[in-house]
């Protein structure tokens, strides 16, 4: 997850997108790949 965020933030600095646009794109991609709020909560609670 950290690697994906790092890549997306790197792309954002080169593409002139706003942080909000980048975050929305990440959210849409995660949802399209099946990441639900429940799955995310489970991942975060496993730490």
Protein backbone atom coordinates (compact mmCIF):
# COMPACT_ATOMS: atom_id res chain seq x y z
CA UNK A 1 0.00 0.00 0.00
CA UNK A 2 2.87 2.35 0.83
CA UNK A 3 4.52 1.64 -2.50
CA UNK A 4 1.32 2.40 -4.39
CA UNK A 5 0.86 5.67 -2.52
CA UNK A 6 4.48 6.62 -3.17
CA UNK A 7 4.09 5.96 -6.89
CA UNK A 8 0.84 7.89 -7.09
CA UNK A 9 2.30 10.87 -5.22
CA UNK A 10 5.33 10.81 -7.52
CA UNK A 11 3.04 10.83 -10.54
CA UNK A 12 1.00 13.67 -9.05
CA UNK A 13 4.00 15.94 -8.70
CA UNK A 14 4.82 15.41 -12.36
CA UNK A 15 1.27 15.66 -13.71
CA UNK A 16 0.15 18.87 -11.97
CA UNK A 17 -2.96 17.23 -10.48
CA UNK A 18 -4.22 18.54 -7.18
CA UNK A 19 -3.88 16.37 -4.10
CA UNK A 20 -7.66 16.02 -4.02
CA UNK A 21 -7.67 14.73 -7.61
CA UNK A 22 -4.93 12.21 -6.81
CA UNK A 23 -6.71 11.02 -3.68
CA UNK A 24 -9.98 10.62 -5.60
CA UNK A 25 -8.22 8.62 -8.30
CA UNK A 26 -6.58 6.35 -5.70
CA UNK A 27 -9.96 5.85 -4.03
CA UNK A 28 -11.69 4.98 -7.31
CA UNK A 29 -8.94 2.52 -8.25
CA UNK A 30 -9.03 0.86 -4.83
CA UNK A 31 -12.81 0.49 -4.97
CA UNK A 32 -12.63 -0.91 -8.51
CA UNK A 33 -10.18 -3.53 -7.23
CA UNK A 34 -12.53 -4.55 -4.42
CA UNK A 35 -11.23 -2.53 -1.49
CA UNK A 36 -14.26 -1.92 0.70
CA UNK A 37 -14.37 0.11 3.92
CA UNK A 38 -14.58 -3.19 5.80
CA UNK A 39 -11.49 -4.62 4.10
CA UNK A 40 -9.58 -1.39 4.71
CA UNK A 41 -10.54 -1.41 8.39
CA UNK A 42 -9.39 -5.02 8.67
CA UNK A 43 -6.06 -4.16 7.06
CA UNK A 44 -5.54 -1.18 9.34
CA UNK A 45 -6.44 -3.16 12.47
CA UNK A 46 -3.94 -5.93 11.66
CA UNK A 47 -1.00 -3.73 12.62
